[in-house]
Amino acid sequence: MFTILKLKTGIKLAITVLIALNTITAFCQDNRQNKDFLKLARELAHKKPDSSAYYFNQEIELDLKNKDTVSAIKTLKELSILYSHNLNYSKSYDGYWKALLLADKIKHNELTADIYQEIGWLYSFYKRDEKALEYFNKSIKLRKKQFAKNESNAHFIASDYFSIVNLYRGNKNYKKAAQYLDSCVYYQAKLSPKITSYYIIAEQAYLDAVNGNYNLAINKLNKCKEHFKHTDKTYLSVIHSLTADVYKMMKEYDKSILNYKASINLSENNKSHLNYKIKDYEGLKDVYVDLKNYKEAYYYLDKETALNNKIFGTTSENSKHLLEIKDNYRLEKEKQKDAMQKQLIANYEQEDKIWLLKSIILIILIISLVFYGIVLVKQIKNKHKNEKQIIAEKQKLKTQKTNEVLELKNKELTQAALRLIEKDEFIAGLQKKIETAGENVNKKVVLRALKTFQGTPSKNWTEFEARFTTINQSFYENLRIKYPKLSQTDQKICALVKLNFPSKDMSKLLGISVESVHTSRYRLRKKLGLKREDNLEDFISRF
């Protein structure tokens, strides 16, 4: 009996061991398959997107089968990004919402924030800016809760703000873009150790260009190109597109065209950031319009419209599936195309009119020259020669006389200003002596009397400026026309420089320190665009 029980126990134990071994073997096989699917999917992402998507889907099925929800969510996100980069927004939208439902089910805030950000990007592509901002801000809200617990999450918040910067930059709201870029930089600086973000540097470069700092912008973008060549070649299409925009601002159209075309080629070859092709086609269209090459402009307008219709048109899978996302972008481009056609027609009509007018004028001129030239040409030449000599001599004498009078009046004005300064210095000295005098002098009465005729910097300047304007009537006007951004202080410094005032006398007349005068002169040179070797006095004397 004991032998039978022992035999049964042995059989049960053997069966248990076999089941356990089978389970472990199956798990190892699934885990190996897991790794193989992910590896293949990522390797094919920028070569064969369809094959990559197939392996991502295999990975997701395996994750769900193994109840590895976190891995399934991450893979769904990667798959949706792949679809988005290849302009299949319909499937991208599906994937994000499946991932969001799973993340919400397991209450995983970090993954939920990731998906909110990606959905925000998707809405931004459809020009649904309010919805895009709604999801970006949802992501930021969750990230900040995580940041409060652990500051190492700062780069996630920086990434969300980076998304908003892209949104406003794309809409040409550069003031808002700059504000959010500051927030982006702030959270990036919280990382330890410090990490340089070339994604942020690229956006800073673009805003530098918007503010007119073109060389600085190009230098930064070139550094970004070198960086992404070794780290993320897919992002080079974005860098080339931004570089093309900067060269377009600089009106260096050849370089702009090269960079737009480079961006398009990189997008196509890497099967990534294909949405930038629309932007690049639009940029090329604008460049060729500026160059008045309407044939090429219309060619790229057609390519832009065709790609736009493919993605956002009423017959596209994206528009059929995403019914709540309106195709405002497509409608806007159709309006632009109509406007472009009208503009082309108007330009051609204008060119025809100009050509006709030029032809009529040319015919009239030829007939007039033939009719009158033979008889009067010699007399007219002699007469004009004599008249020009007389006028030139009169003008020379008039200019010489005017300059002499102006120089004399400016000298008088300078002397008057110096007398004002000397008067104020004398009164100030006298005031000090009275203050230190004995009790026999009624200080209050004397000081009050001095103040009644003592000038102030403001009063002295007003008196000086009135005389200066009378003598140099068009000085301020000419200065403001050429340099409208000059401040009142800049204009005052210009007036005193024209009269060759030294810095010490400037400081007394303006009521500021000599150091402040030097600082103002330095800032003035920058605003006037003068180089170190340029003489400020010579430059101002031309006005």
Protein backbone atom coordinates (compact mmCIF):
# COMPACT_ATOMS: atom_id res chain seq x y z
CA MET A 1 0.00 0.00 0.00
CA PHE A 2 2.80 2.36 0.95
CA THR A 3 4.55 1.60 -2.35
CA ILE A 4 1.39 2.53 -4.37
CA LEU A 5 1.04 5.88 -2.52
CA LYS A 6 4.67 6.65 -3.09
CA LEU A 7 4.28 5.83 -6.80
CA LYS A 8 1.23 8.18 -7.11
CA THR A 9 3.09 11.00 -5.36
CA GLY A 10 6.04 10.57 -7.72
CA ILE A 11 3.80 10.66 -10.79
CA LYS A 12 2.10 13.93 -9.56
CA LEU A 13 5.47 15.51 -8.89
CA ALA A 14 6.73 14.54 -12.37
CA ILE A 15 3.61 15.99 -14.03
CA THR A 16 4.03 19.26 -12.04
CA VAL A 17 7.67 19.55 -13.09
CA LEU A 18 6.78 18.95 -16.77
CA ILE A 19 4.05 21.64 -16.66
CA ALA A 20 6.46 24.12 -15.04
CA LEU A 21 9.16 23.40 -17.61
CA ASN A 22 6.67 23.82 -20.44
CA THR A 23 5.48 27.17 -19.02
CA ILE A 24 9.05 28.44 -18.62
CA THR A 25 9.93 27.33 -22.16
CA ALA A 26 6.84 29.06 -23.57
CA PHE A 27 7.63 32.25 -21.62
CA CYS A 28 11.23 32.27 -22.87
CA GLN A 29 10.06 31.76 -26.44
CA ASP A 30 7.52 34.59 -26.09
CA ASN A 31 10.15 36.84 -24.53
CA ARG A 32 12.61 36.06 -27.34
CA GLN A 33 9.88 36.72 -29.92
CA ASN A 34 9.12 39.98 -28.09
CA LYS A 35 12.67 41.19 -28.51
CA ASP A 36 12.85 40.01 -32.14
CA PHE A 37 9.62 41.82 -33.12
CA LEU A 38 10.70 45.10 -31.50
CA LYS A 39 14.18 44.92 -32.97
CA LEU A 40 12.85 44.27 -36.49
CA ALA A 41 10.17 46.98 -36.17
CA ARG A 42 12.70 49.64 -35.15
CA GLU A 43 15.24 48.61 -37.79
CA LEU A 44 12.63 48.87 -40.56
CA ALA A 45 10.93 52.07 -39.32
CA HIS A 46 12.90 54.39 -41.64
CA LYS A 47 13.26 51.89 -44.51
CA LYS A 48 10.01 49.94 -44.85
CA PRO A 49 7.32 51.58 -42.67
CA ASP A 50 4.65 49.01 -43.63
CA SER A 51 6.83 46.08 -42.55
CA SER A 52 7.79 47.97 -39.41
CA ALA A 53 4.10 48.50 -38.59
CA TYR A 54 3.44 44.75 -39.04
CA TYR A 55 6.10 43.81 -36.47
CA PHE A 56 4.93 46.49 -34.04
CA ASN A 57 1.42 44.98 -34.25
CA GLN A 58 2.85 41.50 -33.63
CA GLU A 59 4.63 42.86 -30.56
CA ILE A 60 1.42 44.48 -29.27
CA GLU A 61 -0.54 41.22 -29.65
CA LEU A 62 2.17 39.35 -27.76
CA ASP A 63 2.27 41.99 -24.98
CA LEU A 64 -1.50 41.83 -24.51
CA LYS A 65 -1.39 38.04 -24.56
CA ASN A 66 1.27 38.11 -21.82
CA LYS A 67 -0.75 40.82 -19.98
CA ASP A 68 2.22 43.21 -20.19
CA THR A 69 0.06 46.34 -20.50
CA VAL A 70 2.89 48.84 -19.99
CA SER A 71 4.91 47.35 -22.85
CA ALA A 72 1.77 47.26 -25.05
CA ILE A 73 1.15 50.98 -24.40
CA LYS A 74 4.75 51.94 -25.22
CA THR A 75 4.66 49.90 -28.43
CA LEU A 76 1.30 51.41 -29.43
CA LYS A 77 2.86 54.83 -28.96
CA GLU A 78 5.85 53.93 -31.17
CA LEU A 79 3.51 52.51 -33.82
CA SER A 80 1.34 55.67 -33.76
CA ILE A 81 4.41 57.89 -34.11
CA LEU A 82 5.48 55.78 -37.10
CA TYR A 83 2.05 56.29 -38.73
CA SER A 84 2.16 60.02 -37.93
CA HIS A 85 5.60 60.51 -39.50
CA ASN A 86 4.31 58.79 -42.63
CA LEU A 87 1.16 60.99 -42.76
CA ASN A 88 -1.27 58.16 -41.87
CA TYR A 89 -2.98 60.24 -39.19
CA SER A 90 -6.06 58.01 -39.15
CA LYS A 91 -4.19 54.97 -37.83
CA SER A 92 -2.02 57.18 -35.64
CA TYR A 93 -5.16 58.62 -34.03
CA ASP A 94 -6.54 55.07 -33.45
CA GLY A 95 -3.31 53.90 -31.84
CA TYR A 96 -3.04 56.82 -29.44
CA TRP A 97 -6.61 56.37 -28.21
CA LYS A 98 -6.13 52.62 -27.68
CA ALA A 99 -2.97 53.39 -25.72
CA LEU A 100 -4.76 56.10 -23.74
CA LEU A 101 -7.56 53.70 -22.73
CA LEU A 102 -5.02 51.13 -21.56
CA ALA A 103 -2.98 53.73 -19.65
CA ASP A 104 -6.15 55.04 -17.98
CA LYS A 105 -7.15 51.49 -17.08
CA ILE A 106 -3.93 50.85 -15.16
CA LYS A 107 -3.74 54.45 -13.82
CA HIS A 108 -0.27 55.06 -15.31
CA ASN A 109 0.12 58.87 -15.23
CA GLU A 110 3.52 58.98 -16.92
CA LEU A 111 2.34 57.09 -20.00
CA THR A 112 -0.94 59.03 -20.01
CA ALA A 113 1.03 62.31 -20.15
CA ASP A 114 3.13 60.91 -23.05
CA ILE A 115 0.00 60.09 -25.05
CA TYR A 116 -1.65 63.45 -24.28
CA GLN A 117 1.39 65.16 -25.78
CA GLU A 118 1.28 63.01 -28.93
CA ILE A 119 -2.47 63.62 -29.41
CA GLY A 120 -1.72 67.34 -29.07
CA TRP A 121 0.80 67.07 -31.92
CA LEU A 122 -1.82 65.29 -34.05
CA TYR A 123 -4.41 68.06 -33.50
CA SER A 124 -1.77 70.69 -34.31
CA PHE A 125 -1.23 69.07 -37.75
CA TYR A 126 -4.95 69.63 -38.43
CA LYS A 127 -4.72 73.29 -37.30
CA ARG A 128 -6.98 72.55 -34.33
CA ASP A 129 -4.88 74.76 -32.08
CA GLU A 130 -7.30 74.94 -29.15
CA LYS A 131 -7.57 71.15 -28.94
CA ALA A 132 -3.81 70.79 -29.37
CA LEU A 133 -3.15 73.22 -26.50
CA GLU A 134 -5.75 71.44 -24.40
CA TYR A 135 -3.86 68.14 -24.64
CA PHE A 136 -0.42 69.72 -24.28
CA ASN A 137 -1.60 71.41 -21.07
CA LYS A 138 -3.13 68.14 -19.79
CA SER A 139 0.28 66.55 -20.26
CA ILE A 140 2.03 69.45 -18.48
CA LYS A 141 -0.38 69.21 -15.54
CA LEU A 142 0.45 65.53 -15.00
CA ARG A 143 4.17 66.11 -15.53
CA LYS A 144 4.31 68.87 -12.91
CA LYS A 145 2.80 66.52 -10.33
CA GLN A 146 5.57 64.05 -11.10
CA PHE A 147 8.16 66.89 -11.06
CA ALA A 148 7.06 67.89 -7.55
CA LYS A 149 7.99 64.38 -6.40
CA ASN A 150 11.10 63.96 -8.53
CA GLU A 151 12.90 66.80 -10.34
CA SER A 152 14.55 64.35 -12.73
CA ASN A 153 11.24 64.49 -14.67
CA ALA A 154 12.06 68.08 -15.74
CA HIS A 155 12.97 67.03 -19.30
CA PHE A 156 9.40 65.71 -19.84
CA ILE A 157 7.95 69.15 -18.99
CA ALA A 158 10.57 70.77 -21.26
CA SER A 159 9.39 68.43 -24.03
CA ASP A 160 5.75 69.55 -23.55
CA TYR A 161 6.71 73.22 -23.70
CA PHE A 162 8.79 72.44 -26.79
CA SER A 163 5.61 71.12 -28.45
CA ILE A 164 3.81 74.41 -27.70
CA VAL A 165 6.79 76.39 -29.05
CA ASN A 166 6.48 74.46 -32.34
CA LEU A 167 2.75 75.18 -32.47
CA TYR A 168 3.15 78.95 -32.06
CA ARG A 169 6.21 79.11 -34.31
CA GLY A 170 4.26 77.32 -37.05
CA ASN A 171 1.45 79.87 -36.64
CA LYS A 172 4.02 82.75 -36.77
CA ASN A 173 3.05 83.87 -33.25
CA TYR A 174 6.69 84.46 -32.35
CA LYS A 175 6.00 86.39 -29.15
CA LYS A 176 4.14 83.41 -27.64
CA ALA A 177 6.77 81.02 -29.02
CA ALA A 178 9.51 83.00 -27.24
CA GLN A 179 7.58 82.93 -23.94
CA TYR A 180 7.14 79.15 -23.99
CA LEU A 181 10.73 78.67 -25.16
CA ASP A 182 11.84 80.41 -21.96
CA SER A 183 9.80 77.88 -19.95
CA CYS A 184 11.37 75.10 -22.00
CA VAL A 185 14.88 76.36 -21.22
CA TYR A 186 13.99 76.80 -17.53
CA TYR A 187 12.99 73.16 -17.05
CA GLN A 188 15.85 71.88 -19.21
CA ALA A 189 18.24 73.72 -16.87
CA LYS A 190 16.79 71.75 -13.92
CA LEU A 191 18.38 68.54 -15.20
CA SER A 192 21.41 67.19 -13.42
CA PRO A 193 23.86 66.65 -14.97
CA LYS A 194 23.24 69.46 -17.45
CA ILE A 195 22.26 68.31 -20.94
CA THR A 196 22.44 70.54 -24.03
CA SER A 197 19.25 70.22 -26.06
CA TYR A 198 19.90 70.90 -29.74
CA TYR A 199 16.15 70.70 -30.36
CA ILE A 200 15.79 73.81 -28.17
CA ILE A 201 18.83 75.48 -29.78
CA ALA A 202 17.22 75.05 -33.22
CA GLU A 203 14.06 76.87 -32.05
CA GLN A 204 16.19 79.61 -30.44
CA ALA A 205 18.01 80.01 -33.75
CA TYR A 206 14.75 80.48 -35.64
CA LEU A 207 13.58 83.18 -33.21
CA ASP A 208 17.01 84.85 -33.49
CA ALA A 209 16.40 85.08 -37.24
CA VAL A 210 12.92 86.51 -36.71
CA ASN A 211 14.56 89.24 -34.59
CA GLY A 212 17.07 89.99 -37.37
CA ASN A 213 20.09 88.11 -35.93
CA TYR A 214 20.60 86.05 -39.09
CA ASN A 215 24.28 85.16 -38.72
CA LEU A 216 23.75 83.97 -35.15
CA ALA A 217 20.78 81.88 -36.30
CA ILE A 218 22.73 80.24 -39.15
CA ASN A 219 25.67 79.43 -36.84
CA LYS A 220 23.36 77.75 -34.33
CA LEU A 221 21.53 75.76 -37.03
CA ASN A 222 24.85 74.58 -38.50
CA LYS A 223 25.86 73.27 -35.06
CA CYS A 224 22.51 71.49 -34.85
CA LYS A 225 23.13 69.88 -38.26
CA GLU A 226 26.47 68.50 -37.09
CA HIS A 227 24.91 67.18 -33.89
CA PHE A 228 21.93 65.43 -35.53
CA LYS A 229 24.16 63.84 -38.19
CA HIS A 230 25.49 61.65 -35.39
CA THR A 231 22.44 61.36 -33.10
CA ASP A 232 19.13 61.63 -34.99
CA LYS A 233 19.45 61.81 -38.78
CA THR A 234 15.66 61.90 -39.18
CA TYR A 235 15.52 65.33 -37.51
CA LEU A 236 17.87 66.78 -40.14
CA SER A 237 14.83 67.32 -42.40
CA VAL A 238 13.44 69.74 -39.79
CA ILE A 239 16.80 71.53 -39.38
CA HIS A 240 17.17 72.00 -43.15
CA SER A 241 13.61 73.33 -43.37
CA LEU A 242 14.27 75.88 -40.59
CA THR A 243 17.58 76.84 -42.24
CA ALA A 244 15.76 77.38 -45.55
CA ASP A 245 13.29 79.70 -43.80
CA VAL A 246 16.16 81.77 -42.36
CA TYR A 247 17.86 82.12 -45.75
CA LYS A 248 14.49 83.15 -47.21
CA MET A 249 14.28 85.92 -44.58
CA MET A 250 17.82 86.97 -45.60
CA LYS A 251 16.71 86.92 -49.28
CA GLU A 252 19.52 84.47 -50.05
CA TYR A 253 17.18 82.49 -52.24
CA ASP A 254 19.67 80.02 -53.77
CA LYS A 255 20.66 78.71 -50.32
CA SER A 256 17.02 78.68 -49.28
CA ILE A 257 16.04 76.53 -52.26
CA LEU A 258 18.90 74.08 -51.61
CA ASN A 259 17.87 73.60 -47.99
CA TYR A 260 14.16 73.16 -48.79
CA LYS A 261 15.02 70.48 -51.34
CA ALA A 262 17.43 68.83 -48.90
CA SER A 263 14.65 68.72 -46.29
CA ILE A 264 12.27 67.06 -48.77
CA ASN A 265 14.86 64.44 -49.77
CA LEU A 266 15.71 63.63 -46.14
CA SER A 267 12.02 63.25 -45.25
CA GLU A 268 11.46 60.86 -48.17
CA ASN A 269 14.64 58.84 -47.63
CA ASN A 270 14.19 58.47 -43.86
CA LYS A 271 10.39 57.98 -44.07
CA SER A 272 10.07 60.50 -41.24
CA HIS A 273 8.71 64.04 -40.70
CA LEU A 274 6.92 63.81 -44.04
CA ASN A 275 4.50 66.52 -42.85
CA TYR A 276 7.39 68.98 -43.38
CA LYS A 277 7.13 68.36 -47.14
CA ILE A 278 3.98 70.52 -47.21
CA LYS A 279 5.83 73.32 -45.42
CA ASP A 280 8.84 72.92 -47.75
CA TYR A 281 6.69 73.04 -50.89
CA GLU A 282 5.03 76.19 -49.54
CA GLY A 283 8.46 77.73 -48.83
CA LEU A 284 9.69 76.94 -52.35
CA LYS A 285 6.52 78.46 -53.81
CA ASP A 286 7.08 81.69 -51.86
CA VAL A 287 10.76 81.88 -52.87
CA TYR A 288 9.93 81.51 -56.57
CA VAL A 289 7.16 84.11 -56.27
CA ASP A 290 9.74 86.53 -54.82
CA LEU A 291 12.05 85.66 -57.72
CA LYS A 292 9.10 86.24 -60.12
CA ASN A 293 9.57 82.72 -61.47
CA TYR A 294 5.84 82.04 -61.60
CA LYS A 295 6.17 78.78 -63.50
CA GLU A 296 8.21 77.15 -60.72
CA ALA A 297 6.03 78.83 -58.07
CA TYR A 298 2.90 77.31 -59.60
CA TYR A 299 4.63 73.90 -59.88
CA TYR A 300 5.35 73.78 -56.14
CA LEU A 301 1.92 75.18 -55.32
CA ASP A 302 0.46 72.20 -57.24
CA LYS A 303 2.70 69.76 -55.33
CA GLU A 304 1.73 71.37 -52.03
CA THR A 305 -1.98 71.22 -52.88
CA ALA A 306 -1.78 67.60 -54.09
CA LEU A 307 -0.03 66.42 -50.91
CA ASN A 308 -2.38 68.48 -48.77
CA ASN A 309 -5.41 66.93 -50.48
CA LYS A 310 -3.93 63.48 -50.09
CA ILE A 311 -3.64 63.98 -46.33
CA PHE A 312 -6.53 66.27 -45.51
CA GLY A 313 -8.84 66.09 -48.55
CA THR A 314 -12.41 64.83 -48.26
CA THR A 315 -11.54 61.55 -50.04
CA SER A 316 -8.53 60.73 -47.83
CA GLU A 317 -8.69 58.03 -45.16
CA ASN A 318 -7.63 60.60 -42.54
CA SER A 319 -10.64 62.82 -43.18
CA LYS A 320 -13.05 59.88 -43.37
CA HIS A 321 -11.92 58.58 -40.03
CA LEU A 322 -11.28 61.78 -38.04
CA LEU A 323 -14.69 63.37 -38.54
CA GLU A 324 -14.34 65.77 -35.64
CA ILE A 325 -11.09 67.26 -36.97
CA LYS A 326 -12.08 69.78 -39.63
CA ASP A 327 -9.93 70.27 -42.70
CA ASN A 328 -9.34 73.99 -42.10
CA TYR A 329 -5.82 73.52 -43.33
CA ARG A 330 -6.99 72.21 -46.72
CA LEU A 331 -9.54 75.02 -47.12
CA GLU A 332 -6.90 77.57 -46.27
CA LYS A 333 -4.56 76.14 -48.93
CA GLU A 334 -7.33 76.14 -51.54
CA LYS A 335 -7.90 79.82 -50.83
CA GLN A 336 -4.19 80.42 -51.19
CA LYS A 337 -4.19 78.60 -54.54
CA ASP A 338 -7.08 80.73 -55.81
CA ALA A 339 -5.34 83.86 -54.60
CA MET A 340 -2.13 82.71 -56.26
CA GLN A 341 -3.91 82.14 -59.58
CA LYS A 342 -5.51 85.58 -59.40
CA GLN A 343 -2.15 87.10 -58.55
CA LEU A 344 -0.49 85.37 -61.49
CA ILE A 345 -3.21 86.61 -63.86
CA ALA A 346 -2.92 90.13 -62.45
CA ASN A 347 0.89 90.04 -62.81
CA TYR A 348 0.68 88.89 -66.42
CA GLU A 349 -1.89 91.60 -67.23
CA GLN A 350 0.27 94.21 -65.52
CA GLU A 351 3.34 93.04 -67.43
CA ASP A 352 1.39 93.30 -70.72
CA LYS A 353 0.30 96.84 -69.88
CA ILE A 354 3.82 97.86 -68.93
CA TRP A 355 5.21 96.33 -72.12
CA LEU A 356 2.63 98.18 -74.25
CA LEU A 357 3.31 101.46 -72.46
CA LYS A 358 7.06 101.04 -72.91
CA SER A 359 6.58 100.34 -76.62
CA ILE A 360 4.42 103.47 -77.11
CA ILE A 361 6.90 105.66 -75.23
CA LEU A 362 9.80 104.22 -77.22
CA ILE A 363 8.07 104.88 -80.58
CA ILE A 364 7.18 108.45 -79.56
CA LEU A 365 10.72 109.06 -78.37
CA ILE A 366 12.25 107.77 -81.62
CA ILE A 367 9.91 109.91 -83.76
CA SER A 368 10.64 112.98 -81.63
CA LEU A 369 14.39 112.46 -81.83
CA VAL A 370 14.32 111.99 -85.60
CA PHE A 371 12.03 115.03 -86.14
CA TYR A 372 13.80 117.50 -83.87
CA GLY A 373 17.29 116.06 -83.59
CA ILE A 374 18.73 117.09 -86.94
CA VAL A 375 17.92 120.80 -86.57
CA LEU A 376 18.17 121.49 -82.84
CA VAL A 377 20.63 118.99 -81.40
CA LYS A 378 23.67 121.26 -81.52
CA GLN A 379 21.83 124.30 -80.18
CA ILE A 380 20.26 122.32 -77.36
CA LYS A 381 23.62 120.84 -76.35
CA ASN A 382 25.29 124.25 -76.19
CA LYS A 383 22.36 125.80 -74.37
CA HIS A 384 22.20 122.98 -71.84
CA LYS A 385 25.92 123.10 -71.30
CA ASN A 386 25.87 126.81 -70.49
CA GLU A 387 22.80 126.49 -68.28
CA LYS A 388 24.31 123.62 -66.35
CA GLN A 389 27.50 125.55 -65.71
CA ILE A 390 25.55 128.59 -64.45
CA ILE A 391 23.28 126.45 -62.26
CA ALA A 392 26.24 124.46 -60.89
CA GLU A 393 28.12 127.65 -59.99
CA LYS A 394 25.06 129.18 -58.33
CA GLN A 395 24.36 125.97 -56.45
CA LYS A 396 27.98 125.76 -55.34
CA LEU A 397 27.95 129.35 -54.04
CA LYS A 398 24.58 128.80 -52.36
CA THR A 399 25.74 125.58 -50.70
CA GLN A 400 28.99 127.17 -49.60
CA LYS A 401 27.16 130.16 -48.14
CA THR A 402 24.59 127.94 -46.41
CA ASN A 403 27.32 125.76 -44.91
CA GLU A 404 29.21 128.79 -43.65
CA VAL A 405 26.07 130.23 -42.05
CA LEU A 406 25.16 126.84 -40.58
CA GLU A 407 28.66 126.34 -39.22
CA LEU A 408 28.65 129.82 -37.68
CA LYS A 409 25.24 129.26 -36.07
CA ASN A 410 26.29 125.86 -34.76
CA LYS A 411 29.38 127.45 -33.21
CA GLU A 412 27.15 130.08 -31.59
CA LEU A 413 24.83 127.35 -30.37
CA THR A 414 27.76 125.40 -28.92
CA GLN A 415 29.05 128.50 -27.16
CA ALA A 416 25.56 129.22 -25.79
CA ALA A 417 25.28 125.68 -24.46
CA LEU A 418 28.73 125.91 -22.86
CA ARG A 419 27.73 129.22 -21.26
CA LEU A 420 24.67 127.52 -19.79
CA ILE A 421 26.88 124.80 -18.36
CA GLU A 422 29.39 127.35 -17.01
CA LYS A 423 26.53 129.36 -15.49
CA ASP A 424 25.18 126.27 -13.72
CA GLU A 425 28.66 125.36 -12.50
CA PHE A 426 29.23 128.90 -11.25
CA ILE A 427 25.89 128.97 -9.44
CA ALA A 428 26.51 125.52 -7.97
CA GLY A 429 29.90 126.69 -6.67
CA LEU A 430 28.44 129.87 -5.29
CA GLN A 431 25.66 127.85 -3.64
CA LYS A 432 28.23 125.68 -1.85
CA LYS A 433 30.13 128.75 -0.61
CA ILE A 434 26.92 130.32 0.75
CA GLU A 435 25.99 127.06 2.48
CA THR A 436 29.39 127.03 4.24
CA ALA A 437 29.30 130.76 5.06
CA GLY A 438 28.73 132.21 8.53
CA GLU A 439 25.46 132.99 10.23
CA ASN A 440 25.47 136.66 9.09
CA VAL A 441 24.25 135.61 5.62
CA ASN A 442 20.56 134.78 5.21
CA LYS A 443 21.15 131.47 3.38
CA LYS A 444 17.56 130.65 2.65
CA VAL A 445 16.85 133.98 0.94
CA VAL A 446 20.04 133.87 -1.15
CA LEU A 447 19.60 130.20 -2.12
CA ARG A 448 15.99 130.82 -3.10
CA ALA A 449 17.10 133.73 -5.29
CA LEU A 450 19.77 131.57 -6.93
CA LYS A 451 17.27 128.79 -7.73
CA THR A 452 14.98 131.26 -9.54
CA PHE A 453 17.56 131.78 -12.28
CA GLN A 454 19.56 128.54 -11.95
CA GLY A 455 18.83 126.19 -14.86
CA THR A 456 18.03 122.47 -14.65
CA PRO A 457 19.25 119.79 -17.09
CA SER A 458 15.72 119.52 -18.43
CA LYS A 459 15.32 123.30 -18.86
CA ASN A 460 18.83 123.69 -20.30
CA TRP A 461 18.18 120.92 -22.82
CA THR A 462 14.82 122.39 -23.85
CA GLU A 463 16.46 125.77 -24.49
CA PHE A 464 19.36 124.13 -26.34
CA GLU A 465 17.10 121.91 -28.45
CA ALA A 466 14.90 124.84 -29.49
CA ARG A 467 17.95 126.70 -30.83
CA PHE A 468 19.43 123.54 -32.38
CA THR A 469 16.19 122.71 -34.25
CA THR A 470 15.95 126.26 -35.57
CA ILE A 471 19.41 126.01 -37.09
CA ASN A 472 19.33 122.33 -38.14
CA GLN A 473 15.71 122.06 -39.21
CA SER A 474 15.79 118.70 -40.98
CA PHE A 475 18.33 116.92 -38.73
CA TYR A 476 15.90 115.05 -36.45
CA GLU A 477 13.51 114.32 -39.31
CA ASN A 478 16.25 112.79 -41.52
CA LEU A 479 17.56 110.80 -38.56
CA ARG A 480 14.12 109.40 -37.66
CA ILE A 481 13.36 108.44 -41.29
CA LYS A 482 16.52 106.36 -41.61
CA TYR A 483 16.61 105.03 -38.03
CA PRO A 484 13.04 105.02 -36.64
CA LYS A 485 13.97 102.92 -33.57
CA LEU A 486 16.26 105.56 -32.04
CA SER A 487 15.13 106.67 -28.57
CA GLN A 488 14.93 110.31 -27.35
CA THR A 489 18.26 109.86 -25.54
CA ASP A 490 19.85 108.51 -28.74
CA GLN A 491 18.62 111.57 -30.68
CA LYS A 492 20.00 113.93 -28.01
CA ILE A 493 23.41 112.23 -28.18
CA CYS A 494 23.34 112.54 -31.99
CA ALA A 495 22.67 116.29 -31.77
CA LEU A 496 25.54 116.83 -29.34
CA VAL A 497 27.90 114.64 -31.40
CA LYS A 498 27.07 116.75 -34.49
CA LEU A 499 28.30 119.82 -32.55
CA ASN A 500 31.45 117.94 -31.46
CA PHE A 501 30.58 118.14 -27.76
CA PRO A 502 33.01 116.22 -25.50
CA SER A 503 31.49 113.56 -23.20
CA LYS A 504 32.04 115.69 -20.11
CA ASP A 505 29.96 118.60 -21.48
CA MET A 506 27.32 116.16 -22.74
CA SER A 507 26.91 114.75 -19.24
CA LYS A 508 26.48 118.24 -17.75
CA LEU A 509 23.95 119.38 -20.35
CA LEU A 510 21.92 116.14 -20.11
CA GLY A 511 22.23 115.84 -16.32
CA ILE A 512 23.78 112.35 -16.42
CA SER A 513 27.16 110.83 -15.57
CA VAL A 514 30.07 110.63 -18.02
CA GLU A 515 29.86 106.81 -17.80
CA SER A 516 26.19 107.01 -18.86
CA VAL A 517 27.23 109.14 -21.85
CA HIS A 518 29.83 106.52 -22.87
CA THR A 519 27.22 103.76 -22.51
CA SER A 520 24.70 105.74 -24.60
CA ARG A 521 27.30 106.34 -27.33
CA TYR A 522 28.14 102.62 -27.39
CA ARG A 523 24.46 101.62 -27.72
CA LEU A 524 23.95 104.31 -30.37
CA ARG A 525 26.79 102.87 -32.48
CA LYS A 526 25.16 99.44 -32.33
CA LYS A 527 21.73 100.81 -33.36
CA LEU A 528 23.35 102.72 -36.25
CA GLY A 529 25.13 99.51 -37.35
CA LEU A 530 28.60 101.09 -37.15
CA LYS A 531 31.74 98.97 -37.11
CA ARG A 532 34.62 99.56 -34.73
CA GLU A 533 36.64 101.42 -37.38
CA ASP A 534 33.74 103.77 -38.32
CA ASN A 535 33.88 107.32 -36.93
CA LEU A 536 30.63 108.32 -35.18
CA GLU A 537 31.23 112.09 -35.63
CA ASP A 538 31.80 111.75 -39.38
CA PHE A 539 28.70 109.55 -39.71
CA ILE A 540 26.41 111.99 -37.81
CA SER A 541 27.73 115.01 -39.74
CA ARG A 542 26.06 113.64 -42.90
CA PHE A 543 22.58 114.29 -41.55
